[in-house]
Amino acid sequence: MKEKIFLIGMMGAGKTSVGKWLSRELNVPFFDTDAMIETQLGMSIAEIFNKWGEVYFRKLEREILQTFRDKTKCVVSTGGGIVLAEENRQFLRSNGRVVFLQAGSETISKRLQGDDTRPLLKELSIETLIEQRKKLYETTAHFNILTDADSISEIGRRILTKL
């Protein structure tokens, strides 16, 4: 592997699980941009949204993403909304291989059942978020992988084959 792998897609699509698998398989570091933001501020994403709002969170997200400019050979799970900013989309495409992990709304609903840590789901439905972001994911990614039916290792192997 010569470069960074950025995983994009909706919350619940499998970015973190697949990213950890890929990092073990490739023996490279794994990073999760949401976890990095939470660690940096000592607060959950939900608390950040409640205290400062989405605009502030998106600013932090852009800043965290920029820290990968000089890193080599790593796997990065990004937040679901990272593609909302054109600057982020350009950065992702020009700084590594971008994989869109795509899951349907039923799969995402099932995976997030009982998870009340997702601030945007208090305002919007999963279907609405998918509708708003799908085109951005597709145009940012070098390729996409469906994650509805396969295991983490099967998804990971498909990614490695395409890389």
N, C-alpha and C. Protein backbone atom coordinates (compact mmCIF):
# COMPACT_ATOMS: atom_id res chain seq x y z
N MET A 1 0.85 -1.19 0.00
CA MET A 1 0.00 0.00 0.00
C MET A 1 0.89 1.24 0.00
N LYS A 2 0.65 2.13 -0.92
CA LYS A 2 1.49 3.31 -1.07
C LYS A 2 0.89 4.56 -0.44
N GLU A 3 -0.40 4.53 -0.17
CA GLU A 3 -1.04 5.79 0.22
C GLU A 3 -2.06 5.61 1.32
N LYS A 4 -2.68 6.71 1.64
CA LYS A 4 -3.73 6.71 2.66
C LYS A 4 -5.03 6.18 2.04
N ILE A 5 -5.82 5.54 2.89
CA ILE A 5 -7.16 5.11 2.50
C ILE A 5 -8.14 5.89 3.37
N PHE A 6 -9.02 6.64 2.72
CA PHE A 6 -10.07 7.38 3.42
C PHE A 6 -11.39 6.66 3.20
N LEU A 7 -12.07 6.33 4.29
CA LEU A 7 -13.38 5.70 4.20
C LEU A 7 -14.44 6.76 4.45
N ILE A 8 -15.37 6.89 3.50
CA ILE A 8 -16.46 7.86 3.63
C ILE A 8 -17.78 7.11 3.55
N GLY A 9 -18.84 7.74 4.03
CA GLY A 9 -20.17 7.15 3.97
C GLY A 9 -20.98 7.55 5.18
N MET A 10 -22.20 7.11 5.18
CA MET A 10 -23.12 7.45 6.26
C MET A 10 -22.69 6.82 7.58
N MET A 11 -23.15 7.43 8.68
CA MET A 11 -22.99 6.80 9.98
C MET A 11 -23.64 5.42 9.90
N GLY A 12 -22.98 4.44 10.49
CA GLY A 12 -23.54 3.09 10.47
C GLY A 12 -23.22 2.29 9.22
N ALA A 13 -22.46 2.87 8.29
CA ALA A 13 -22.13 2.15 7.06
C ALA A 13 -21.00 1.14 7.27
N GLY A 14 -20.26 1.28 8.38
CA GLY A 14 -19.19 0.35 8.68
C GLY A 14 -17.79 0.92 8.58
N LYS A 15 -17.66 2.24 8.51
CA LYS A 15 -16.36 2.86 8.29
C LYS A 15 -15.34 2.51 9.39
N THR A 16 -15.75 2.61 10.63
CA THR A 16 -14.82 2.35 11.73
C THR A 16 -14.47 0.87 11.81
N SER A 17 -15.46 0.00 11.73
CA SER A 17 -15.20 -1.45 11.81
C SER A 17 -14.32 -1.92 10.66
N VAL A 18 -14.67 -1.52 9.45
CA VAL A 18 -13.89 -1.92 8.28
C VAL A 18 -12.51 -1.27 8.31
N GLY A 19 -12.46 -0.01 8.76
CA GLY A 19 -11.17 0.68 8.85
C GLY A 19 -10.21 -0.01 9.80
N LYS A 20 -10.71 -0.45 10.94
CA LYS A 20 -9.85 -1.17 11.91
C LYS A 20 -9.36 -2.48 11.31
N TRP A 21 -10.25 -3.18 10.59
CA TRP A 21 -9.87 -4.44 9.94
C TRP A 21 -8.77 -4.19 8.91
N LEU A 22 -8.97 -3.18 8.06
CA LEU A 22 -7.98 -2.85 7.02
C LEU A 22 -6.64 -2.49 7.64
N SER A 23 -6.68 -1.71 8.71
CA SER A 23 -5.42 -1.29 9.33
C SER A 23 -4.65 -2.49 9.89
N ARG A 24 -5.36 -3.43 10.48
CA ARG A 24 -4.70 -4.65 10.98
C ARG A 24 -4.13 -5.47 9.81
N GLU A 25 -4.94 -5.63 8.78
CA GLU A 25 -4.54 -6.43 7.62
C GLU A 25 -3.33 -5.83 6.91
N LEU A 26 -3.29 -4.51 6.79
CA LEU A 26 -2.22 -3.81 6.08
C LEU A 26 -1.07 -3.42 7.00
N ASN A 27 -1.27 -3.60 8.31
CA ASN A 27 -0.27 -3.23 9.30
C ASN A 27 0.12 -1.75 9.20
N VAL A 28 -0.92 -0.91 9.17
CA VAL A 28 -0.74 0.54 9.13
C VAL A 28 -1.63 1.16 10.22
N PRO A 29 -1.35 2.39 10.63
CA PRO A 29 -2.16 3.02 11.66
C PRO A 29 -3.61 3.28 11.21
N PHE A 30 -4.51 3.25 12.17
CA PHE A 30 -5.93 3.56 11.93
C PHE A 30 -6.27 4.83 12.68
N PHE A 31 -7.05 5.71 12.03
CA PHE A 31 -7.52 6.94 12.65
C PHE A 31 -9.02 7.08 12.39
N ASP A 32 -9.71 7.63 13.35
CA ASP A 32 -11.14 7.92 13.23
C ASP A 32 -11.29 9.42 13.52
N THR A 33 -11.71 10.20 12.51
CA THR A 33 -11.74 11.65 12.68
C THR A 33 -12.69 12.08 13.80
N ASP A 34 -13.82 11.41 13.94
CA ASP A 34 -14.75 11.77 15.02
C ASP A 34 -14.11 11.51 16.39
N ALA A 35 -13.45 10.36 16.53
CA ALA A 35 -12.79 10.04 17.80
C ALA A 35 -11.67 11.03 18.09
N MET A 36 -10.96 11.46 17.05
CA MET A 36 -9.88 12.44 17.24
C MET A 36 -10.44 13.76 17.76
N ILE A 37 -11.58 14.18 17.21
CA ILE A 37 -12.21 15.43 17.66
C ILE A 37 -12.68 15.29 19.11
N GLU A 38 -13.29 14.15 19.42
CA GLU A 38 -13.75 13.93 20.80
C GLU A 38 -12.59 13.95 21.78
N THR A 39 -11.48 13.33 21.42
CA THR A 39 -10.30 13.31 22.28
C THR A 39 -9.72 14.71 22.44
N GLN A 40 -9.64 15.44 21.34
CA GLN A 40 -9.07 16.79 21.36
C GLN A 40 -9.85 17.70 22.29
N LEU A 41 -11.19 17.61 22.26
CA LEU A 41 -12.01 18.49 23.08
C LEU A 41 -12.45 17.87 24.41
N GLY A 42 -12.25 16.58 24.56
CA GLY A 42 -12.70 15.91 25.77
C GLY A 42 -14.21 15.90 25.90
N MET A 43 -14.89 15.87 24.76
CA MET A 43 -16.36 15.89 24.72
C MET A 43 -16.84 14.97 23.61
N SER A 44 -18.07 14.49 23.75
CA SER A 44 -18.65 13.68 22.69
C SER A 44 -19.09 14.59 21.54
N ILE A 45 -19.30 13.98 20.38
CA ILE A 45 -19.79 14.74 19.22
C ILE A 45 -21.13 15.40 19.58
N ALA A 46 -21.99 14.66 20.25
CA ALA A 46 -23.30 15.21 20.64
C ALA A 46 -23.13 16.44 21.54
N GLU A 47 -22.19 16.38 22.48
CA GLU A 47 -21.94 17.53 23.37
C GLU A 47 -21.39 18.72 22.58
N ILE A 48 -20.52 18.45 21.62
CA ILE A 48 -19.96 19.53 20.79
C ILE A 48 -21.08 20.20 20.00
N PHE A 49 -21.95 19.39 19.38
CA PHE A 49 -23.09 19.93 18.63
C PHE A 49 -23.98 20.76 19.55
N ASN A 50 -24.27 20.23 20.75
CA ASN A 50 -25.15 20.95 21.69
C ASN A 50 -24.55 22.26 22.16
N LYS A 51 -23.24 22.25 22.43
CA LYS A 51 -22.60 23.44 22.98
C LYS A 51 -22.29 24.50 21.92
N TRP A 52 -21.76 24.07 20.75
CA TRP A 52 -21.29 25.03 19.75
C TRP A 52 -21.97 24.93 18.39
N GLY A 53 -22.69 23.85 18.14
CA GLY A 53 -23.41 23.71 16.88
C GLY A 53 -22.63 23.01 15.79
N GLU A 54 -23.35 22.72 14.70
CA GLU A 54 -22.76 21.96 13.60
C GLU A 54 -21.68 22.73 12.86
N VAL A 55 -21.84 24.04 12.70
CA VAL A 55 -20.85 24.83 11.97
C VAL A 55 -19.48 24.73 12.64
N TYR A 56 -19.46 24.84 13.96
CA TYR A 56 -18.20 24.73 14.70
C TYR A 56 -17.61 23.33 14.54
N PHE A 57 -18.46 22.31 14.64
CA PHE A 57 -18.00 20.93 14.49
C PHE A 57 -17.38 20.72 13.10
N ARG A 58 -18.01 21.26 12.06
CA ARG A 58 -17.48 21.10 10.69
C ARG A 58 -16.13 21.78 10.54
N LYS A 59 -15.92 22.89 11.26
CA LYS A 59 -14.62 23.57 11.26
C LYS A 59 -13.56 22.66 11.88
N LEU A 60 -13.89 22.04 13.00
CA LEU A 60 -12.96 21.11 13.66
C LEU A 60 -12.65 19.94 12.73
N GLU A 61 -13.67 19.47 12.05
CA GLU A 61 -13.52 18.34 11.13
C GLU A 61 -12.52 18.68 10.01
N ARG A 62 -12.65 19.89 9.45
CA ARG A 62 -11.72 20.33 8.40
C ARG A 62 -10.29 20.39 8.93
N GLU A 63 -10.14 20.91 10.15
CA GLU A 63 -8.81 21.03 10.75
C GLU A 63 -8.18 19.66 10.98
N ILE A 64 -8.96 18.73 11.49
CA ILE A 64 -8.46 17.37 11.74
C ILE A 64 -8.06 16.72 10.42
N LEU A 65 -8.88 16.88 9.40
CA LEU A 65 -8.58 16.29 8.10
C LEU A 65 -7.24 16.78 7.57
N GLN A 66 -6.95 18.05 7.77
CA GLN A 66 -5.68 18.62 7.30
C GLN A 66 -4.46 17.98 7.96
N THR A 67 -4.63 17.39 9.14
CA THR A 67 -3.50 16.77 9.82
C THR A 67 -3.00 15.53 9.07
N PHE A 68 -3.79 15.04 8.12
CA PHE A 68 -3.38 13.86 7.35
C PHE A 68 -2.56 14.21 6.11
N ARG A 69 -2.36 15.49 5.87
CA ARG A 69 -1.61 15.93 4.69
C ARG A 69 -0.22 15.26 4.66
N ASP A 70 0.46 15.22 5.78
CA ASP A 70 1.83 14.72 5.81
C ASP A 70 1.95 13.27 6.27
N LYS A 71 0.85 12.63 6.57
CA LYS A 71 0.90 11.22 6.99
C LYS A 71 0.95 10.34 5.74
N THR A 72 1.59 9.20 5.89
CA THR A 72 1.61 8.23 4.81
C THR A 72 1.09 6.90 5.34
N LYS A 73 0.59 6.10 4.46
CA LYS A 73 0.17 4.74 4.78
C LYS A 73 -0.65 4.64 6.06
N CYS A 74 -1.90 5.02 5.97
CA CYS A 74 -2.80 4.88 7.10
C CYS A 74 -4.22 4.68 6.57
N VAL A 75 -5.10 4.25 7.44
CA VAL A 75 -6.52 4.11 7.12
C VAL A 75 -7.27 5.10 8.00
N VAL A 76 -8.16 5.88 7.37
CA VAL A 76 -8.88 6.93 8.09
C VAL A 76 -10.38 6.75 7.90
N SER A 77 -11.08 6.58 9.01
CA SER A 77 -12.54 6.58 9.01
C SER A 77 -12.98 8.01 9.25
N THR A 78 -13.73 8.56 8.30
CA THR A 78 -14.15 9.96 8.42
C THR A 78 -15.58 10.05 8.95
N GLY A 79 -15.93 11.21 9.47
CA GLY A 79 -17.30 11.46 9.89
C GLY A 79 -18.22 11.48 8.67
N GLY A 80 -19.46 11.09 8.86
CA GLY A 80 -20.41 11.00 7.76
C GLY A 80 -20.61 12.28 6.97
N GLY A 81 -20.45 13.43 7.63
CA GLY A 81 -20.69 14.70 6.95
C GLY A 81 -19.45 15.37 6.40
N ILE A 82 -18.33 14.68 6.42
CA ILE A 82 -17.08 15.31 5.98
C ILE A 82 -17.15 15.77 4.52
N VAL A 83 -17.99 15.12 3.72
CA VAL A 83 -18.08 15.46 2.29
C VAL A 83 -18.90 16.71 2.03
N LEU A 84 -19.51 17.28 3.05
CA LEU A 84 -20.36 18.46 2.85
C LEU A 84 -19.55 19.67 2.40
N ALA A 85 -18.28 19.74 2.77
CA ALA A 85 -17.43 20.88 2.39
C ALA A 85 -16.61 20.52 1.16
N GLU A 86 -16.68 21.36 0.14
CA GLU A 86 -15.92 21.16 -1.10
C GLU A 86 -14.43 21.02 -0.81
N GLU A 87 -13.93 21.83 0.10
CA GLU A 87 -12.51 21.78 0.48
C GLU A 87 -12.12 20.37 0.96
N ASN A 88 -13.00 19.75 1.75
CA ASN A 88 -12.73 18.39 2.25
C ASN A 88 -12.76 17.37 1.11
N ARG A 89 -13.73 17.50 0.23
CA ARG A 89 -13.84 16.56 -0.89
C ARG A 89 -12.57 16.60 -1.75
N GLN A 90 -12.10 17.80 -2.03
CA GLN A 90 -10.87 17.95 -2.83
C GLN A 90 -9.67 17.36 -2.10
N PHE A 91 -9.58 17.64 -0.80
CA PHE A 91 -8.47 17.12 0.00
C PHE A 91 -8.46 15.59 -0.03
N LEU A 92 -9.61 14.99 0.22
CA LEU A 92 -9.70 13.53 0.26
C LEU A 92 -9.22 12.93 -1.06
N ARG A 93 -9.76 13.41 -2.16
CA ARG A 93 -9.42 12.84 -3.47
C ARG A 93 -7.94 13.03 -3.83
N SER A 94 -7.37 14.13 -3.43
CA SER A 94 -5.99 14.40 -3.84
C SER A 94 -4.95 13.88 -2.85
N ASN A 95 -5.39 13.35 -1.71
CA ASN A 95 -4.43 12.90 -0.69
C ASN A 95 -4.51 11.41 -0.37
N GLY A 96 -5.25 10.66 -1.13
CA GLY A 96 -5.32 9.22 -0.89
C GLY A 96 -6.37 8.57 -1.75
N ARG A 97 -6.66 7.31 -1.45
CA ARG A 97 -7.72 6.58 -2.14
C ARG A 97 -8.97 6.71 -1.27
N VAL A 98 -10.07 7.08 -1.89
CA VAL A 98 -11.32 7.32 -1.16
C VAL A 98 -12.31 6.20 -1.49
N VAL A 99 -12.79 5.54 -0.45
CA VAL A 99 -13.73 4.43 -0.60
C VAL A 99 -15.05 4.82 0.06
N PHE A 100 -16.11 4.79 -0.72
CA PHE A 100 -17.46 5.08 -0.23
C PHE A 100 -18.06 3.76 0.23
N LEU A 101 -18.25 3.62 1.55
CA LEU A 101 -18.95 2.46 2.10
C LEU A 101 -20.43 2.80 2.10
N GLN A 102 -21.17 2.09 1.28
CA GLN A 102 -22.57 2.42 1.04
C GLN A 102 -23.49 1.38 1.67
N ALA A 103 -24.41 1.86 2.49
CA ALA A 103 -25.41 1.00 3.13
C ALA A 103 -26.78 1.63 2.94
N GLY A 104 -27.79 0.81 2.83
CA GLY A 104 -29.15 1.30 2.69
C GLY A 104 -29.72 1.79 4.01
N SER A 105 -30.81 2.52 3.94
CA SER A 105 -31.40 3.11 5.14
C SER A 105 -31.85 2.05 6.15
N GLU A 106 -32.34 0.91 5.67
CA GLU A 106 -32.78 -0.16 6.60
C GLU A 106 -31.59 -0.71 7.37
N THR A 107 -30.48 -0.94 6.67
CA THR A 107 -29.27 -1.44 7.32
C THR A 107 -28.76 -0.44 8.35
N ILE A 108 -28.70 0.82 7.96
CA ILE A 108 -28.20 1.85 8.87
C ILE A 108 -29.11 1.96 10.09
N SER A 109 -30.42 1.95 9.88
CA SER A 109 -31.37 2.02 11.01
C SER A 109 -31.14 0.86 11.98
N LYS A 110 -30.95 -0.33 11.43
CA LYS A 110 -30.73 -1.51 12.26
C LYS A 110 -29.43 -1.38 13.05
N ARG A 111 -28.38 -0.93 12.38
CA ARG A 111 -27.07 -0.81 13.03
C ARG A 111 -27.05 0.28 14.10
N LEU A 112 -27.85 1.32 13.91
CA LEU A 112 -27.84 2.45 14.86
C LEU A 112 -28.96 2.35 15.89
N GLN A 113 -29.72 1.27 15.86
CA GLN A 113 -30.83 1.11 16.80
C GLN A 113 -30.33 1.25 18.24
N GLY A 114 -30.96 2.13 18.98
CA GLY A 114 -30.59 2.35 20.37
C GLY A 114 -29.42 3.30 20.55
N ASP A 115 -28.83 3.78 19.48
CA ASP A 115 -27.70 4.72 19.54
C ASP A 115 -28.26 6.14 19.56
N ASP A 116 -28.18 6.80 20.69
CA ASP A 116 -28.72 8.17 20.79
C ASP A 116 -27.61 9.22 20.79
N THR A 117 -26.44 8.84 20.26
CA THR A 117 -25.30 9.76 20.25
C THR A 117 -25.16 10.51 18.93
N ARG A 118 -26.11 10.35 18.02
CA ARG A 118 -26.01 10.95 16.69
C ARG A 118 -26.88 12.20 16.62
N PRO A 119 -26.28 13.39 16.79
CA PRO A 119 -27.09 14.61 16.89
C PRO A 119 -27.96 14.90 15.67
N LEU A 120 -27.47 14.60 14.47
CA LEU A 120 -28.25 14.93 13.28
C LEU A 120 -29.51 14.08 13.13
N LEU A 121 -29.49 12.88 13.74
CA LEU A 121 -30.67 12.02 13.64
C LEU A 121 -31.82 12.51 14.52
N LYS A 122 -31.54 13.48 15.37
CA LYS A 122 -32.62 14.09 16.16
C LYS A 122 -33.41 15.07 15.30
N GLU A 123 -32.78 15.56 14.21
CA GLU A 123 -33.41 16.56 13.35
C GLU A 123 -33.86 16.00 12.00
N LEU A 124 -33.10 15.05 11.47
CA LEU A 124 -33.35 14.54 10.11
C LEU A 124 -33.45 13.02 10.12
N SER A 125 -34.15 12.48 9.15
CA SER A 125 -34.23 11.02 9.02
C SER A 125 -32.99 10.51 8.29
N ILE A 126 -32.72 9.25 8.46
CA ILE A 126 -31.59 8.62 7.75
C ILE A 126 -31.79 8.77 6.24
N GLU A 127 -33.03 8.56 5.79
CA GLU A 127 -33.32 8.67 4.36
C GLU A 127 -32.98 10.07 3.83
N THR A 128 -33.32 11.10 4.60
CA THR A 128 -33.04 12.47 4.20
C THR A 128 -31.53 12.71 4.12
N LEU A 129 -30.81 12.23 5.12
CA LEU A 129 -29.35 12.40 5.11
C LEU A 129 -28.71 11.69 3.93
N ILE A 130 -29.18 10.47 3.65
CA ILE A 130 -28.65 9.72 2.49
C ILE A 130 -28.91 10.51 1.21
N GLU A 131 -30.13 10.99 1.08
CA GLU A 131 -30.51 11.75 -0.11
C GLU A 131 -29.63 12.99 -0.29
N GLN A 132 -29.35 13.68 0.81
CA GLN A 132 -28.54 14.90 0.76
C GLN A 132 -27.08 14.61 0.41
N ARG A 133 -26.57 13.46 0.82
CA ARG A 133 -25.13 13.21 0.73
C ARG A 133 -24.69 12.22 -0.33
N LYS A 134 -25.59 11.39 -0.83
CA LYS A 134 -25.20 10.29 -1.70
C LYS A 134 -24.37 10.75 -2.90
N LYS A 135 -24.82 11.78 -3.58
CA LYS A 135 -24.10 12.28 -4.76
C LYS A 135 -22.70 12.78 -4.37
N LEU A 136 -22.59 13.41 -3.21
CA LEU A 136 -21.28 13.90 -2.74
C LEU A 136 -20.34 12.73 -2.46
N TYR A 137 -20.87 11.67 -1.84
CA TYR A 137 -20.06 10.48 -1.59
C TYR A 137 -19.58 9.89 -2.92
N GLU A 138 -20.52 9.75 -3.85
CA GLU A 138 -20.20 9.11 -5.14
C GLU A 138 -19.15 9.89 -5.93
N THR A 139 -19.27 11.21 -5.93
CA THR A 139 -18.32 12.01 -6.72
C THR A 139 -16.97 12.19 -6.03
N THR A 140 -16.93 11.97 -4.73
CA THR A 140 -15.67 12.08 -3.99
C THR A 140 -14.88 10.77 -4.05
N ALA A 141 -15.58 9.65 -4.01
CA ALA A 141 -14.93 8.34 -3.91
C ALA A 141 -14.29 7.91 -5.22
N HIS A 142 -13.21 7.17 -5.09
CA HIS A 142 -12.60 6.51 -6.24
C HIS A 142 -13.42 5.28 -6.61
N PHE A 143 -14.04 4.65 -5.62
CA PHE A 143 -14.96 3.54 -5.85
C PHE A 143 -15.84 3.35 -4.62
N ASN A 144 -16.94 2.61 -4.80
CA ASN A 144 -17.81 2.36 -3.66
C ASN A 144 -17.99 0.86 -3.44
N ILE A 145 -18.30 0.52 -2.21
CA ILE A 145 -18.49 -0.87 -1.78
C ILE A 145 -19.80 -0.92 -1.00
N LEU A 146 -20.67 -1.83 -1.37
CA LEU A 146 -21.92 -2.01 -0.63
C LEU A 146 -21.62 -2.80 0.64
N THR A 147 -22.20 -2.36 1.76
CA THR A 147 -21.89 -3.01 3.04
C THR A 147 -23.11 -3.63 3.71
N ASP A 148 -24.23 -3.71 2.99
CA ASP A 148 -25.45 -4.22 3.62
C ASP A 148 -25.37 -5.69 4.03
N ALA A 149 -24.81 -6.53 3.18
CA ALA A 149 -24.96 -7.97 3.38
C ALA A 149 -23.70 -8.71 3.82
N ASP A 150 -22.53 -8.13 3.67
CA ASP A 150 -21.29 -8.86 3.90
C ASP A 150 -20.69 -8.60 5.27
N SER A 151 -19.81 -9.51 5.68
CA SER A 151 -19.09 -9.35 6.95
C SER A 151 -18.01 -8.29 6.78
N ILE A 152 -17.47 -7.85 7.89
CA ILE A 152 -16.41 -6.84 7.89
C ILE A 152 -15.22 -7.34 7.08
N SER A 153 -14.83 -8.58 7.27
CA SER A 153 -13.67 -9.11 6.55
C SER A 153 -13.96 -9.25 5.05
N GLU A 154 -15.18 -9.62 4.68
CA GLU A 154 -15.52 -9.70 3.26
C GLU A 154 -15.46 -8.31 2.61
N ILE A 155 -15.99 -7.32 3.31
CA ILE A 155 -15.94 -5.94 2.80
C ILE A 155 -14.49 -5.50 2.66
N GLY A 156 -13.70 -5.75 3.69
CA GLY A 156 -12.28 -5.40 3.67
C GLY A 156 -11.54 -6.04 2.52
N ARG A 157 -11.79 -7.34 2.29
CA ARG A 157 -11.12 -8.04 1.18
C ARG A 157 -11.53 -7.45 -0.17
N ARG A 158 -12.80 -7.06 -0.31
CA ARG A 158 -13.24 -6.45 -1.57
C ARG A 158 -12.52 -5.12 -1.80
N ILE A 159 -12.34 -4.34 -0.72
CA ILE A 159 -11.61 -3.08 -0.84
C ILE A 159 -10.17 -3.34 -1.27
N LEU A 160 -9.51 -4.30 -0.62
CA LEU A 160 -8.12 -4.60 -0.96
C LEU A 160 -7.99 -5.05 -2.41
N THR A 161 -8.95 -5.81 -2.90
CA THR A 161 -8.93 -6.26 -4.28
C THR A 161 -9.02 -5.06 -5.23
N LYS A 162 -9.89 -4.10 -4.91
CA LYS A 162 -10.07 -2.92 -5.79
C LYS A 162 -8.87 -1.97 -5.71
N LEU A 163 -8.19 -1.96 -4.58
CA LEU A 163 -7.03 -1.07 -4.45
C LEU A 163 -5.88 -1.59 -5.31
